[in-house]
């Protein structure tokens, strides 16, 4: 089992370009698994974790309801935002500058073959990261992601999640609001959950800005601990 995870920080990158790149890495891994089975070989499958920020974009999961996007194409254009219907689970999500988006493309055969455990580990990674800032991140029953004051009238979501998996290979992932423009969340019903607020790390800490690189390093540390992964820097040009 290959527990090395190659980290790529893509910076600010268009959503569709990043989605295509995810699909490329995902399909290469799936194809290698198929080849191993067909030819009875044991070639190591790779694992990746992509960090990225996207220009303003709304994405709708396979089971999502388009009615949860509250504006039309004209308003999206005015807000300099795009919209895509995509192949992950979950409902509608917003991505934008000031948000750390993480796309783990893992062969879970290298770790454990349990999607629920995988999602719980991603949540735990964020919960442990928030704890380093003195915040108590929590799970909310039946609602994937990480919340503050879960189960109270003041519940607010700080991290959304939605994944896809095939042959135990994952793609898509999580979006942690660090210095996000929360105004964009007013254009939708976040994750299709009515009456729940959204927040960002800088708002909770009362800071104008939280260093993105610092948060990424904390996420990586907890990711490595939880998955027993060896983090390597991937210098592939993308």
Protein backbone atom coordinates (compact mmCIF):
# COMPACT_ATOMS: atom_id res chain seq x y z
CA UNK A 1 0.00 0.00 0.00
CA UNK A 2 1.28 3.43 -1.00
CA UNK A 3 0.71 5.95 1.78
CA UNK A 4 2.62 8.76 0.08
CA UNK A 5 0.39 11.73 -0.75
CA UNK A 6 1.70 14.29 -3.23
CA UNK A 7 0.71 17.87 -2.38
CA UNK A 8 0.05 20.37 -5.14
CA UNK A 9 -0.89 23.98 -4.39
CA UNK A 10 -2.55 25.29 -7.55
CA UNK A 11 -3.00 28.85 -6.28
CA UNK A 12 -5.97 30.74 -7.77
CA UNK A 13 -7.32 28.58 -10.59
CA UNK A 14 -10.49 28.42 -12.65
CA UNK A 15 -12.98 25.84 -11.37
CA UNK A 16 -13.49 24.04 -14.69
CA UNK A 17 -9.74 23.80 -15.34
CA UNK A 18 -9.24 22.33 -11.88
CA UNK A 19 -12.16 19.94 -12.32
CA UNK A 20 -10.65 18.69 -15.60
CA UNK A 21 -7.29 18.23 -13.88
CA UNK A 22 -8.93 16.30 -11.04
CA UNK A 23 -10.66 14.08 -13.59
CA UNK A 24 -7.32 13.40 -15.28
CA UNK A 25 -5.60 12.30 -12.06
CA UNK A 26 -8.69 10.37 -10.97
CA UNK A 27 -8.99 8.47 -14.26
CA UNK A 28 -5.27 7.69 -14.40
CA UNK A 29 -5.53 6.10 -10.95
CA UNK A 30 -8.68 4.15 -11.81
CA UNK A 31 -7.08 2.93 -15.07
CA UNK A 32 -4.00 1.73 -13.18
CA UNK A 33 -6.21 -0.20 -10.76
CA UNK A 34 -8.03 -1.83 -13.67
CA UNK A 35 -4.70 -2.73 -15.29
CA UNK A 36 -3.43 -4.25 -12.03
CA UNK A 37 -6.52 -6.43 -11.78
CA UNK A 38 -6.51 -7.41 -15.46
CA UNK A 39 -2.80 -8.21 -15.65
CA UNK A 40 -2.44 -9.45 -12.06
CA UNK A 41 0.20 -6.80 -11.32
CA UNK A 42 0.72 -4.74 -8.17
CA UNK A 43 1.84 -1.37 -9.44
CA UNK A 44 1.52 1.28 -6.72
CA UNK A 45 -1.35 3.69 -7.20
CA UNK A 46 -0.65 7.38 -6.51
CA UNK A 47 -2.40 9.70 -4.04
CA UNK A 48 -2.75 13.47 -4.38
CA UNK A 49 -4.04 16.37 -2.32
CA UNK A 50 -4.71 19.53 -4.31
CA UNK A 51 -5.05 22.90 -2.58
CA UNK A 52 -6.68 25.65 -4.63
CA UNK A 53 -8.63 28.88 -4.48
CA UNK A 54 -11.29 29.47 -7.12
CA UNK A 55 -12.69 32.64 -8.63
CA UNK A 56 -16.34 33.04 -7.61
CA UNK A 57 -18.29 29.92 -8.62
CA UNK A 58 -21.38 27.97 -7.56
CA UNK A 59 -21.47 24.20 -8.02
CA UNK A 60 -24.45 21.85 -7.75
CA UNK A 61 -24.06 18.18 -6.81
CA UNK A 62 -25.81 15.25 -8.48
CA UNK A 63 -28.69 15.18 -6.03
CA UNK A 64 -28.91 18.95 -5.66
CA UNK A 65 -31.90 21.19 -6.36
CA UNK A 66 -31.32 24.07 -8.78
CA UNK A 67 -33.95 26.03 -6.81
CA UNK A 68 -31.31 26.42 -4.08
CA UNK A 69 -29.50 28.88 -6.37
CA UNK A 70 -31.46 32.06 -5.67
CA UNK A 71 -30.29 34.19 -8.62
CA UNK A 72 -30.40 33.98 -12.41
CA UNK A 73 -27.58 33.90 -14.95
CA UNK A 74 -27.70 37.68 -15.38
CA UNK A 75 -27.11 38.28 -11.66
CA UNK A 76 -24.32 35.71 -11.63
CA UNK A 77 -22.63 37.61 -14.46
CA UNK A 78 -23.01 40.88 -12.55
CA UNK A 79 -21.34 39.21 -9.55
CA UNK A 80 -18.56 37.87 -11.80
CA UNK A 81 -19.52 34.32 -10.79
CA UNK A 82 -19.91 31.06 -12.73
CA UNK A 83 -22.15 28.03 -12.22
CA UNK A 84 -21.53 24.32 -12.86
CA UNK A 85 -23.55 21.17 -12.30
CA UNK A 86 -21.03 18.53 -11.28
CA UNK A 87 -20.60 14.86 -10.39
CA UNK A 88 -20.02 14.98 -6.63
CA UNK A 89 -22.48 14.25 -3.87
CA UNK A 90 -24.22 17.02 -1.98
CA UNK A 91 -26.25 20.05 -2.98
CA UNK A 92 -25.16 23.58 -3.89
CA UNK A 93 -21.85 25.05 -2.74
CA UNK A 94 -20.00 28.31 -3.29
CA UNK A 95 -16.26 28.62 -3.86
CA UNK A 96 -14.32 31.86 -4.00
CA UNK A 97 -11.16 33.75 -3.01
CA UNK A 98 -10.30 33.46 0.67
CA UNK A 99 -11.50 29.88 0.83
CA UNK A 100 -9.17 26.88 1.03
CA UNK A 101 -10.51 24.18 -1.25
CA UNK A 102 -8.93 20.74 -0.86
CA UNK A 103 -9.30 17.93 -3.38
CA UNK A 104 -7.89 14.62 -2.10
CA UNK A 105 -7.52 12.19 -4.98
CA UNK A 106 -6.77 9.09 -2.96
CA UNK A 107 -6.87 5.39 -3.67
CA UNK A 108 -8.61 4.33 -0.47
CA UNK A 109 -7.23 0.80 -0.99
CA UNK A 110 -3.99 2.42 0.22
CA UNK A 111 -5.67 3.50 3.48
CA UNK A 112 -9.09 1.97 4.27
CA UNK A 113 -12.12 1.17 2.16
CA UNK A 114 -14.83 3.05 4.02
CA UNK A 115 -16.35 6.22 2.54
CA UNK A 116 -18.10 7.20 5.78
CA UNK A 117 -14.82 6.90 7.69
CA UNK A 118 -13.14 8.94 4.95
CA UNK A 119 -15.64 11.79 5.33
CA UNK A 120 -15.37 11.68 9.12
CA UNK A 121 -11.56 11.93 8.82
CA UNK A 122 -11.86 14.98 6.57
CA UNK A 123 -14.20 16.56 9.10
CA UNK A 124 -11.83 15.67 11.95
CA UNK A 125 -8.92 17.28 10.10
CA UNK A 126 -10.86 20.55 9.99
CA UNK A 127 -12.10 20.21 13.59
CA UNK A 128 -8.52 19.74 14.83
CA UNK A 129 -7.35 22.71 12.76
CA UNK A 130 -10.06 24.97 14.17
CA UNK A 131 -9.13 23.85 17.69
CA UNK A 132 -5.67 25.32 17.15
CA UNK A 133 -7.41 28.69 16.79
CA UNK A 134 -9.47 28.15 19.94
CA UNK A 135 -12.67 27.30 18.07
CA UNK A 136 -14.85 24.27 18.72
CA UNK A 137 -15.73 22.75 15.36
CA UNK A 138 -18.50 20.17 15.45
CA UNK A 139 -20.45 17.74 13.30
CA UNK A 140 -24.17 18.23 12.79
CA UNK A 141 -26.32 15.10 12.65
CA UNK A 142 -27.17 14.19 9.07
CA UNK A 143 -25.27 17.17 7.64
CA UNK A 144 -21.79 16.52 6.27
CA UNK A 145 -19.25 19.24 7.00
CA UNK A 146 -18.02 21.21 10.01
CA UNK A 147 -20.08 23.64 12.07
CA UNK A 148 -19.77 25.99 15.01
CA UNK A 149 -22.45 25.89 17.71
CA UNK A 150 -24.05 22.87 16.02
CA UNK A 151 -27.50 21.97 17.32
CA UNK A 152 -28.23 25.52 18.53
CA UNK A 153 -30.11 28.45 16.96
CA UNK A 154 -26.67 29.98 16.32
CA UNK A 155 -25.34 27.08 14.23
CA UNK A 156 -23.14 28.23 11.35
CA UNK A 157 -21.20 26.24 8.81
CA UNK A 158 -17.50 26.92 8.29
CA UNK A 159 -16.56 23.99 6.05
CA UNK A 160 -18.58 22.26 3.33
CA UNK A 161 -17.82 18.82 1.90
CA UNK A 162 -18.85 16.76 -1.10
CA UNK A 163 -17.03 13.82 -2.63
CA UNK A 164 -17.20 11.32 -5.45
CA UNK A 165 -15.66 7.84 -5.36
CA UNK A 166 -15.32 5.03 -7.89
CA UNK A 167 -13.33 1.82 -7.39
CA UNK A 168 -12.35 3.39 -4.03
CA UNK A 169 -10.66 6.35 -5.75
CA UNK A 170 -11.87 9.74 -4.45
CA UNK A 171 -12.20 13.20 -5.94
CA UNK A 172 -13.76 16.55 -5.00
CA UNK A 173 -13.44 17.25 -1.27
CA UNK A 174 -13.79 20.14 1.19
CA UNK A 175 -14.03 23.93 1.24
CA UNK A 176 -12.95 25.78 4.39
CA UNK A 177 -13.92 29.44 4.71
CA UNK A 178 -10.84 31.29 5.93
CA UNK A 179 -11.18 34.85 4.61
CA UNK A 180 -14.25 34.29 2.45
CA UNK A 181 -16.65 37.00 1.22
CA UNK A 182 -19.78 35.76 3.00
CA UNK A 183 -22.02 37.97 0.88
CA UNK A 184 -21.91 35.38 -1.91
CA UNK A 185 -23.58 32.82 0.34
CA UNK A 186 -26.70 35.01 0.30
CA UNK A 187 -27.16 34.07 -3.36
CA UNK A 188 -27.98 30.46 -2.50
CA UNK A 189 -29.36 28.14 0.17
CA UNK A 190 -26.02 26.68 1.34
CA UNK A 191 -25.95 22.90 0.85
CA UNK A 192 -29.74 23.08 0.48
CA UNK A 193 -30.15 23.57 4.25
CA UNK A 194 -32.57 26.38 5.03
CA UNK A 195 -32.25 28.61 8.06
CA UNK A 196 -28.58 27.88 8.77
CA UNK A 197 -25.86 30.52 8.70
CA UNK A 198 -22.38 30.39 7.20
CA UNK A 199 -19.21 31.81 8.71
CA UNK A 200 -15.52 32.23 8.02
CA UNK A 201 -12.45 31.73 10.22
CA UNK A 202 -11.44 35.40 10.11
CA UNK A 203 -14.93 36.50 11.21
CA UNK A 204 -14.89 34.09 14.15
CA UNK A 205 -11.45 35.30 15.21
CA UNK A 206 -12.29 38.97 14.71
CA UNK A 207 -9.40 39.40 12.29
CA UNK A 208 -9.28 41.11 8.93
CA UNK A 209 -7.34 38.22 7.49
CA UNK A 210 -5.96 34.85 8.61
CA UNK A 211 -2.78 33.67 6.79
CA UNK A 212 -3.90 31.05 4.27
CA UNK A 213 -0.52 29.30 4.22
CA UNK A 214 -0.62 28.87 7.98
CA UNK A 215 -4.05 27.22 7.83
CA UNK A 216 -2.94 24.91 5.00
CA UNK A 217 0.03 23.73 7.05
CA UNK A 218 -2.23 22.91 9.99
CA UNK A 219 -4.65 21.03 7.71
CA UNK A 220 -1.75 19.07 6.22
CA UNK A 221 -0.40 18.14 9.63
CA UNK A 222 -3.72 16.72 10.78
CA UNK A 223 -4.39 15.05 7.43
CA UNK A 224 -1.06 13.22 7.67
CA UNK A 225 -1.72 12.14 11.26
CA UNK A 226 -5.24 10.88 10.60
CA UNK A 227 -4.46 9.01 7.39
CA UNK A 228 -0.99 7.90 8.52
CA UNK A 229 0.19 9.47 5.27
CA UNK A 230 3.63 10.54 4.17
CA UNK A 231 3.34 14.01 2.67
CA UNK A 232 5.56 14.72 -0.33
CA UNK A 233 5.83 17.87 -2.41
CA UNK A 234 4.78 17.33 -6.01
CA UNK A 235 6.59 19.69 -8.35
CA UNK A 236 4.51 18.71 -11.37
CA UNK A 237 3.73 21.73 -13.52
CA UNK A 238 -0.03 22.12 -14.00
